[in-house]
Amino acid sequence: MEIGEIKKKFFTDNVILAAIPILAYYSAFQYQRSYLRAFGAPEDLISVDIYTLVVFGSAIFGLGIILYNTLSFVWTYGIVNLYKLSWKKSVIVSVGSSIILWLLFFTIYSFDWYTPTIISSSFLLLFVFSYLNSLWKVIPQWLFTALFGVILITSISLGIGQREAKYKSRYTVITSLKNTFVICKTGDYFLCSTYDSSSHTFTKTFRLLPIKDNGLELEYREIGPLQMLK
């Protein structure tokens, strides 16, 4: 390996390692944002705790490596070489990649077609634009990888938060208060709401309870999945 290649690899690896804590916090924040939004809770109560940060940090470490290699492959063998293919093969590569991306996000977003369609359509337009305008000559690979990587990480984090809120069945219940469950922990407080165990619905009214309150009696109980009471 030549010195230039070693420096390039060293630089790339260090950039990735330095970006992991930032991406971990960013993805955890987006996850919390989507999770609270699904409950209709105020988004200014978002608080990324150490547990969520570590979990997402570990996930982002693996996901970051996969995305980097995948996007590098897409760039090298897809966008850069797209103009070399016949229009039929270009259509197959472009549409096939978009369909795979759509199926991935269709699963993450709990079979909601709207967001996956936007993401896959954007990816398809990128292929078409690249084929017609030789985008690979204008935009460097690192910029493509960074931009599209952030878009994918954001979309995945939002999808996981939405899915968690939709299918979560076990919650911390405050038994000392009637039908009160914990949505999440925010700082030194529990963000709570009330639920109906028979209809599996919750009300869009919230209260903050101090975690250090000695009068709180807690129990981990299966009360969901919950839906907002209309």
C-alpha atoms as a PDB file:
ATOM      1  CA  MET A   1       0.000   0.000   0.000  1.00  0.00           C
ATOM      2  CA  GLU A   2       1.380   3.400  -1.009  1.00  0.00           C
ATOM      3  CA  ILE A   3       1.915   6.229   1.486  1.00  0.00           C
ATOM      4  CA  GLY A   4      -0.857   8.293  -0.107  1.00  0.00           C
ATOM      5  CA  GLU A   5      -3.324   5.429   0.218  1.00  0.00           C
ATOM      6  CA  ILE A   6      -2.295   4.842   3.861  1.00  0.00           C
ATOM      7  CA  LYS A   7      -2.830   8.530   4.693  1.00  0.00           C
ATOM      8  CA  LYS A   8      -6.169   8.503   2.918  1.00  0.00           C
ATOM      9  CA  LYS A   9      -7.318   5.389   4.808  1.00  0.00           C
ATOM     10  CA  PHE A  10      -6.019   6.782   8.125  1.00  0.00           C
ATOM     11  CA  PHE A  11      -7.844  10.046   7.521  1.00  0.00           C
ATOM     12  CA  THR A  12     -11.057   8.278   6.584  1.00  0.00           C
ATOM     13  CA  ASP A  13     -10.971   5.927   9.589  1.00  0.00           C
ATOM     14  CA  ASN A  14     -10.287   8.797  12.001  1.00  0.00           C
ATOM     15  CA  VAL A  15     -13.065  10.895  10.533  1.00  0.00           C
ATOM     16  CA  ILE A  16     -15.496   7.993  10.938  1.00  0.00           C
ATOM     17  CA  LEU A  17     -14.413   7.368  14.551  1.00  0.00           C
ATOM     18  CA  ALA A  18     -14.678  11.075  15.387  1.00  0.00           C
ATOM     19  CA  ALA A  19     -18.139  11.264  13.824  1.00  0.00           C
ATOM     20  CA  ILE A  20     -19.564   8.280  15.746  1.00  0.00           C
ATOM     21  CA  PRO A  21     -20.299  10.158  19.053  1.00  0.00           C
ATOM     22  CA  ILE A  22     -21.910  13.007  17.103  1.00  0.00           C
ATOM     23  CA  LEU A  23     -23.983  10.643  14.981  1.00  0.00           C
ATOM     24  CA  ALA A  24     -24.899   8.604  18.077  1.00  0.00           C
ATOM     25  CA  TYR A  25     -26.294  11.665  19.843  1.00  0.00           C
ATOM     26  CA  TYR A  26     -27.943  12.934  16.657  1.00  0.00           C
ATOM     27  CA  SER A  27     -29.637   9.601  15.918  1.00  0.00           C
ATOM     28  CA  ALA A  28     -30.723   9.182  19.555  1.00  0.00           C
ATOM     29  CA  PHE A  29     -32.194  12.697  19.475  1.00  0.00           C
ATOM     30  CA  GLN A  30     -34.115  11.924  16.262  1.00  0.00           C
ATOM     31  CA  TYR A  31     -35.343   8.652  17.768  1.00  0.00           C
ATOM     32  CA  GLN A  32     -36.632  10.452  20.885  1.00  0.00           C
ATOM     33  CA  ARG A  33     -38.176  13.158  18.748  1.00  0.00           C
ATOM     34  CA  SER A  34     -40.120  10.635  16.656  1.00  0.00           C
ATOM     35  CA  TYR A  35     -41.099   8.631  19.744  1.00  0.00           C
ATOM     36  CA  LEU A  36     -42.509  11.682  21.560  1.00  0.00           C
ATOM     37  CA  ARG A  37     -44.215  12.922  18.411  1.00  0.00           C
ATOM     38  CA  ALA A  38     -46.085   9.613  18.129  1.00  0.00           C
ATOM     39  CA  PHE A  39     -47.561  10.262  21.598  1.00  0.00           C
ATOM     40  CA  GLY A  40     -48.261  13.888  20.792  1.00  0.00           C
ATOM     41  CA  ALA A  41     -45.929  14.935  23.605  1.00  0.00           C
ATOM     42  CA  PRO A  42     -43.970  18.233  23.575  1.00  0.00           C
ATOM     43  CA  GLU A  43     -40.721  17.763  21.674  1.00  0.00           C
ATOM     44  CA  ASP A  44     -38.893  20.309  23.835  1.00  0.00           C
ATOM     45  CA  LEU A  45     -38.877  17.643  26.568  1.00  0.00           C
ATOM     46  CA  ILE A  46     -36.401  15.528  24.608  1.00  0.00           C
ATOM     47  CA  SER A  47     -33.585  14.320  26.840  1.00  0.00           C
ATOM     48  CA  VAL A  48     -31.045  11.813  25.564  1.00  0.00           C
ATOM     49  CA  ASP A  49     -29.957   9.700  28.535  1.00  0.00           C
ATOM     50  CA  ILE A  50     -26.736   7.694  28.733  1.00  0.00           C
ATOM     51  CA  TYR A  51     -28.526   4.381  28.099  1.00  0.00           C
ATOM     52  CA  THR A  52     -30.068   5.575  24.836  1.00  0.00           C
ATOM     53  CA  LEU A  53     -26.787   7.184  23.806  1.00  0.00           C
ATOM     54  CA  VAL A  54     -24.802   3.985  24.409  1.00  0.00           C
ATOM     55  CA  VAL A  55     -27.385   1.846  22.597  1.00  0.00           C
ATOM     56  CA  PHE A  56     -27.479   4.131  19.590  1.00  0.00           C
ATOM     57  CA  GLY A  57     -23.725   4.628  19.724  1.00  0.00           C
ATOM     58  CA  SER A  58     -23.222   0.874  19.390  1.00  0.00           C
ATOM     59  CA  ALA A  59     -25.830   0.652  16.644  1.00  0.00           C
ATOM     60  CA  ILE A  60     -24.427   3.631  14.761  1.00  0.00           C
ATOM     61  CA  PHE A  61     -20.908   2.188  14.947  1.00  0.00           C
ATOM     62  CA  GLY A  62     -22.049  -0.909  13.087  1.00  0.00           C
ATOM     63  CA  LEU A  63     -24.515   0.930  10.894  1.00  0.00           C
ATOM     64  CA  GLY A  64     -21.938   3.582  10.000  1.00  0.00           C
ATOM     65  CA  ILE A  65     -19.496   0.967   8.725  1.00  0.00           C
ATOM     66  CA  ILE A  66     -22.224  -0.771   6.733  1.00  0.00           C
ATOM     67  CA  LEU A  67     -23.531   2.502   5.264  1.00  0.00           C
ATOM     68  CA  TYR A  68     -20.047   3.743   4.393  1.00  0.00           C
ATOM     69  CA  ASN A  69     -19.146   0.548   2.556  1.00  0.00           C
ATOM     70  CA  THR A  70     -22.573   0.320   0.924  1.00  0.00           C
ATOM     71  CA  LEU A  71     -22.598   3.933  -0.245  1.00  0.00           C
ATOM     72  CA  SER A  72     -19.005   3.632  -1.460  1.00  0.00           C
ATOM     73  CA  PHE A  73     -20.058   0.563  -3.442  1.00  0.00           C
ATOM     74  CA  VAL A  74     -23.105   2.400  -4.827  1.00  0.00           C
ATOM     75  CA  TRP A  75     -20.881   5.333  -5.795  1.00  0.00           C
ATOM     76  CA  THR A  76     -18.120   3.249  -7.383  1.00  0.00           C
ATOM     77  CA  TYR A  77     -20.187   0.626  -9.177  1.00  0.00           C
ATOM     78  CA  GLY A  78     -23.449   2.488  -9.496  1.00  0.00           C
ATOM     79  CA  ILE A  79     -23.187   6.233 -10.019  1.00  0.00           C
ATOM     80  CA  VAL A  80     -19.652   6.449 -11.426  1.00  0.00           C
ATOM     81  CA  ASN A  81     -20.152   3.561 -13.859  1.00  0.00           C
ATOM     82  CA  LEU A  82     -23.814   4.219 -14.554  1.00  0.00           C
ATOM     83  CA  TYR A  83     -23.078   6.141 -17.741  1.00  0.00           C
ATOM     84  CA  LYS A  84     -21.121   3.148 -19.093  1.00  0.00           C
ATOM     85  CA  LEU A  85     -24.184   0.905 -18.979  1.00  0.00           C
ATOM     86  CA  SER A  86     -26.881   0.668 -21.603  1.00  0.00           C
ATOM     87  CA  TRP A  87     -30.074   2.489 -20.795  1.00  0.00           C
ATOM     88  CA  LYS A  88     -31.830  -0.831 -20.090  1.00  0.00           C
ATOM     89  CA  LYS A  89     -29.227  -1.919 -17.535  1.00  0.00           C
ATOM     90  CA  SER A  90     -29.232   1.569 -16.032  1.00  0.00           C
ATOM     91  CA  VAL A  91     -32.992   1.348 -15.539  1.00  0.00           C
ATOM     92  CA  ILE A  92     -32.661  -2.093 -13.914  1.00  0.00           C
ATOM     93  CA  VAL A  93     -29.918  -0.901 -11.522  1.00  0.00           C
ATOM     94  CA  SER A  94     -31.732   2.334 -10.634  1.00  0.00           C
ATOM     95  CA  VAL A  95     -35.205   0.864 -10.169  1.00  0.00           C
ATOM     96  CA  GLY A  96     -33.874  -2.260  -8.421  1.00  0.00           C
ATOM     97  CA  SER A  97     -31.898  -0.210  -5.889  1.00  0.00           C
ATOM     98  CA  SER A  98     -34.896   2.039  -5.240  1.00  0.00           C
ATOM     99  CA  ILE A  99     -37.204  -0.941  -4.679  1.00  0.00           C
ATOM    100  CA  ILE A 100     -34.771  -2.487  -2.168  1.00  0.00           C
ATOM    101  CA  LEU A 101     -34.554   0.850  -0.351  1.00  0.00           C
ATOM    102  CA  TRP A 102     -38.364   1.171  -0.369  1.00  0.00           C
ATOM    103  CA  LEU A 103     -38.816  -2.308   1.112  1.00  0.00           C
ATOM    104  CA  LEU A 104     -36.262  -1.549   3.848  1.00  0.00           C
ATOM    105  CA  PHE A 105     -38.000   1.634   4.983  1.00  0.00           C
ATOM    106  CA  PHE A 106     -41.463   0.171   4.429  1.00  0.00           C
ATOM    107  CA  THR A 107     -40.571  -2.369   7.118  1.00  0.00           C
ATOM    108  CA  ILE A 108     -38.948   0.190   9.440  1.00  0.00           C
ATOM    109  CA  TYR A 109     -41.898   2.578   9.161  1.00  0.00           C
ATOM    110  CA  SER A 110     -44.433  -0.102  10.109  1.00  0.00           C
ATOM    111  CA  PHE A 111     -45.822  -0.574   6.608  1.00  0.00           C
ATOM    112  CA  ASP A 112     -46.467   3.108   6.033  1.00  0.00           C
ATOM    113  CA  TRP A 113     -45.888   3.755   2.320  1.00  0.00           C
ATOM    114  CA  TYR A 114     -45.540   7.565   2.387  1.00  0.00           C
ATOM    115  CA  THR A 115     -42.029   8.087   3.820  1.00  0.00           C
ATOM    116  CA  PRO A 116     -40.434   5.067   2.059  1.00  0.00           C
ATOM    117  CA  THR A 117     -41.806   6.337  -1.242  1.00  0.00           C
ATOM    118  CA  ILE A 118     -40.229   9.769  -0.731  1.00  0.00           C
ATOM    119  CA  ILE A 119     -36.829   8.289   0.191  1.00  0.00           C
ATOM    120  CA  SER A 120     -36.737   5.716  -2.630  1.00  0.00           C
ATOM    121  CA  SER A 121     -37.992   8.281  -5.166  1.00  0.00           C
ATOM    122  CA  SER A 122     -35.223  10.678  -4.137  1.00  0.00           C
ATOM    123  CA  PHE A 123     -32.686   7.906  -4.580  1.00  0.00           C
ATOM    124  CA  LEU A 124     -34.117   7.086  -8.019  1.00  0.00           C
ATOM    125  CA  LEU A 125     -33.955  10.747  -9.049  1.00  0.00           C
ATOM    126  CA  LEU A 126     -30.318  10.807  -7.938  1.00  0.00           C
ATOM    127  CA  PHE A 127     -29.555   7.907 -10.272  1.00  0.00           C
ATOM    128  CA  VAL A 128     -31.415   9.533 -13.161  1.00  0.00           C
ATOM    129  CA  PHE A 129     -29.728  12.891 -12.606  1.00  0.00           C
ATOM    130  CA  SER A 130     -26.346  11.170 -12.385  1.00  0.00           C
ATOM    131  CA  TYR A 131     -26.958   9.296 -15.637  1.00  0.00           C
ATOM    132  CA  LEU A 132     -28.004  12.425 -17.513  1.00  0.00           C
ATOM    133  CA  ASN A 133     -25.571  14.946 -16.033  1.00  0.00           C
ATOM    134  CA  SER A 134     -22.510  12.928 -14.953  1.00  0.00           C
ATOM    135  CA  LEU A 135     -22.979  13.921 -11.315  1.00  0.00           C
ATOM    136  CA  TRP A 136     -19.944  11.861 -10.315  1.00  0.00           C
ATOM    137  CA  LYS A 137     -17.710  14.434 -12.062  1.00  0.00           C
ATOM    138  CA  VAL A 138     -19.113  17.318  -9.982  1.00  0.00           C
ATOM    139  CA  ILE A 139     -19.702  15.905  -6.492  1.00  0.00           C
ATOM    140  CA  PRO A 140     -16.827  14.094  -4.678  1.00  0.00           C
ATOM    141  CA  GLN A 141     -17.469  10.670  -3.187  1.00  0.00           C
ATOM    142  CA  TRP A 142     -16.984  11.808   0.437  1.00  0.00           C
ATOM    143  CA  LEU A 143     -19.681  14.466   0.058  1.00  0.00           C
ATOM    144  CA  PHE A 144     -22.131  12.009  -1.472  1.00  0.00           C
ATOM    145  CA  THR A 145     -21.402   9.468   1.284  1.00  0.00           C
ATOM    146  CA  ALA A 146     -21.771  12.070   4.054  1.00  0.00           C
ATOM    147  CA  LEU A 147     -24.991  13.638   2.764  1.00  0.00           C
ATOM    148  CA  PHE A 148     -26.778  10.437   1.875  1.00  0.00           C
ATOM    149  CA  GLY A 149     -25.469   8.728   5.016  1.00  0.00           C
ATOM    150  CA  VAL A 150     -26.983  11.441   7.231  1.00  0.00           C
ATOM    151  CA  ILE A 151     -30.276  11.209   5.334  1.00  0.00           C
ATOM    152  CA  LEU A 152     -30.410   7.439   5.823  1.00  0.00           C
ATOM    153  CA  ILE A 153     -29.423   7.593   9.508  1.00  0.00           C
ATOM    154  CA  THR A 154     -32.035  10.297  10.147  1.00  0.00           C
ATOM    155  CA  SER A 155     -34.747   8.337   8.365  1.00  0.00           C
ATOM    156  CA  ILE A 156     -33.861   5.090  10.158  1.00  0.00           C
ATOM    157  CA  SER A 157     -33.785   6.783  13.591  1.00  0.00           C
ATOM    158  CA  LEU A 158     -37.154   8.461  13.022  1.00  0.00           C
ATOM    159  CA  GLY A 159     -38.623   5.192  11.793  1.00  0.00           C
ATOM    160  CA  ILE A 160     -37.381   3.240  14.822  1.00  0.00           C
ATOM    161  CA  GLY A 161     -38.858   5.831  17.193  1.00  0.00           C
ATOM    162  CA  GLN A 162     -42.211   5.734  15.439  1.00  0.00           C
ATOM    163  CA  ARG A 163     -42.232   1.944  15.370  1.00  0.00           C
ATOM    164  CA  GLU A 164     -41.293   1.723  19.056  1.00  0.00           C
ATOM    165  CA  ALA A 165     -44.217   3.948  20.055  1.00  0.00           C
ATOM    166  CA  LYS A 166     -46.634   2.032  17.844  1.00  0.00           C
ATOM    167  CA  TYR A 167     -45.794  -1.493  18.987  1.00  0.00           C
ATOM    168  CA  LYS A 168     -44.477  -1.058  22.526  1.00  0.00           C
ATOM    169  CA  SER A 169     -46.551  -3.156  24.902  1.00  0.00           C
ATOM    170  CA  ARG A 170     -44.736  -3.039  28.276  1.00  0.00           C
ATOM    171  CA  TYR A 171     -44.464   0.236  30.172  1.00  0.00           C
ATOM    172  CA  THR A 172     -43.473   1.405  33.610  1.00  0.00           C
ATOM    173  CA  VAL A 173     -46.751   2.012  35.420  1.00  0.00           C
ATOM    174  CA  ILE A 174     -47.044   4.253  38.486  1.00  0.00           C
ATOM    175  CA  THR A 175     -49.331   2.144  40.648  1.00  0.00           C
ATOM    176  CA  SER A 176     -49.640   4.847  43.302  1.00  0.00           C
ATOM    177  CA  LEU A 177     -51.536   6.966  40.733  1.00  0.00           C
ATOM    178  CA  LYS A 178     -54.605   5.768  38.880  1.00  0.00           C
ATOM    179  CA  ASN A 179     -53.916   4.419  35.347  1.00  0.00           C
ATOM    180  CA  THR A 180     -50.715   6.417  34.978  1.00  0.00           C
ATOM    181  CA  PHE A 181     -47.859   5.164  32.813  1.00  0.00           C
ATOM    182  CA  VAL A 182     -44.404   6.494  31.956  1.00  0.00           C
ATOM    183  CA  ILE A 183     -43.813   7.525  28.357  1.00  0.00           C
ATOM    184  CA  CYS A 184     -40.138   8.258  28.866  1.00  0.00           C
ATOM    185  CA  LYS A 185     -37.568   9.671  31.248  1.00  0.00           C
ATOM    186  CA  THR A 186     -36.605  13.298  30.656  1.00  0.00           C
ATOM    187  CA  GLY A 187     -33.851  14.583  32.889  1.00  0.00           C
ATOM    188  CA  ASP A 188     -34.830  13.981  36.527  1.00  0.00           C
ATOM    189  CA  TYR A 189     -38.501  13.523  35.673  1.00  0.00           C
ATOM    190  CA  PHE A 190     -40.884  10.918  34.305  1.00  0.00           C
ATOM    191  CA  LEU A 191     -43.069  12.126  31.442  1.00  0.00           C
ATOM    192  CA  CYS A 192     -46.418  10.481  32.149  1.00  0.00           C
ATOM    193  CA  SER A 193     -49.907  10.156  30.771  1.00  0.00           C
ATOM    194  CA  THR A 194     -53.041   8.179  31.671  1.00  0.00           C
ATOM    195  CA  TYR A 195     -54.355   5.100  29.905  1.00  0.00           C
ATOM    196  CA  ASP A 196     -57.440   2.932  29.648  1.00  0.00           C
ATOM    197  CA  SER A 197     -56.565  -0.746  30.110  1.00  0.00           C
ATOM    198  CA  SER A 198     -59.757  -2.001  28.434  1.00  0.00           C
ATOM    199  CA  SER A 199     -59.486  -0.019  25.198  1.00  0.00           C
ATOM    200  CA  HIS A 200     -55.652   0.275  25.200  1.00  0.00           C
ATOM    201  CA  THR A 201     -55.845   4.010  24.626  1.00  0.00           C
ATOM    202  CA  PHE A 202     -54.121   6.954  26.267  1.00  0.00           C
ATOM    203  CA  THR A 203     -55.071  10.573  26.715  1.00  0.00           C
ATOM    204  CA  LYS A 204     -53.124  13.450  25.248  1.00  0.00           C
ATOM    205  CA  THR A 205     -52.576  15.045  28.629  1.00  0.00           C
ATOM    206  CA  PHE A 206     -49.153  14.880  30.218  1.00  0.00           C
ATOM    207  CA  ARG A 207     -47.526  15.531  33.548  1.00  0.00           C
ATOM    208  CA  LEU A 208     -43.972  15.513  34.843  1.00  0.00           C
ATOM    209  CA  LEU A 209     -43.264  13.582  38.017  1.00  0.00           C
ATOM    210  CA  PRO A 210     -39.917  13.802  39.833  1.00  0.00           C
ATOM    211  CA  ILE A 211     -38.042  10.504  39.727  1.00  0.00           C
ATOM    212  CA  LYS A 212     -36.725  10.993  43.267  1.00  0.00           C
ATOM    213  CA  ASP A 213     -40.236  11.257  44.713  1.00  0.00           C
ATOM    214  CA  ASN A 214     -40.304   8.630  47.475  1.00  0.00           C
ATOM    215  CA  GLY A 215     -44.057   8.292  47.147  1.00  0.00           C
ATOM    216  CA  LEU A 216     -43.944   6.785  43.654  1.00  0.00           C
ATOM    217  CA  GLU A 217     -44.742   3.082  43.416  1.00  0.00           C
ATOM    218  CA  LEU A 218     -43.602   1.581  40.125  1.00  0.00           C
ATOM    219  CA  GLU A 219     -44.362  -1.610  38.277  1.00  0.00           C
ATOM    220  CA  TYR A 220     -43.385  -2.870  34.836  1.00  0.00           C
ATOM    221  CA  ARG A 221     -46.646  -3.965  33.247  1.00  0.00           C
ATOM    222  CA  GLU A 222     -48.041  -4.960  29.859  1.00  0.00           C
ATOM    223  CA  ILE A 223     -50.702  -2.399  28.956  1.00  0.00           C
ATOM    224  CA  GLY A 224     -50.207  -1.884  25.228  1.00  0.00           C
ATOM    225  CA  PRO A 225     -49.782  -1.333  22.410  1.00  0.00           C
ATOM    226  CA  LEU A 226     -51.489   1.983  23.086  1.00  0.00           C
ATOM    227  CA  GLN A 227     -53.319   4.293  20.737  1.00  0.00           C
ATOM    228  CA  MET A 228     -54.175   7.933  21.255  1.00  0.00           C
ATOM    229  CA  LEU A 229     -57.751   8.492  22.392  1.00  0.00           C
ATOM    230  CA  LYS A 230     -59.608  10.475  19.730  1.00  0.00           C
END
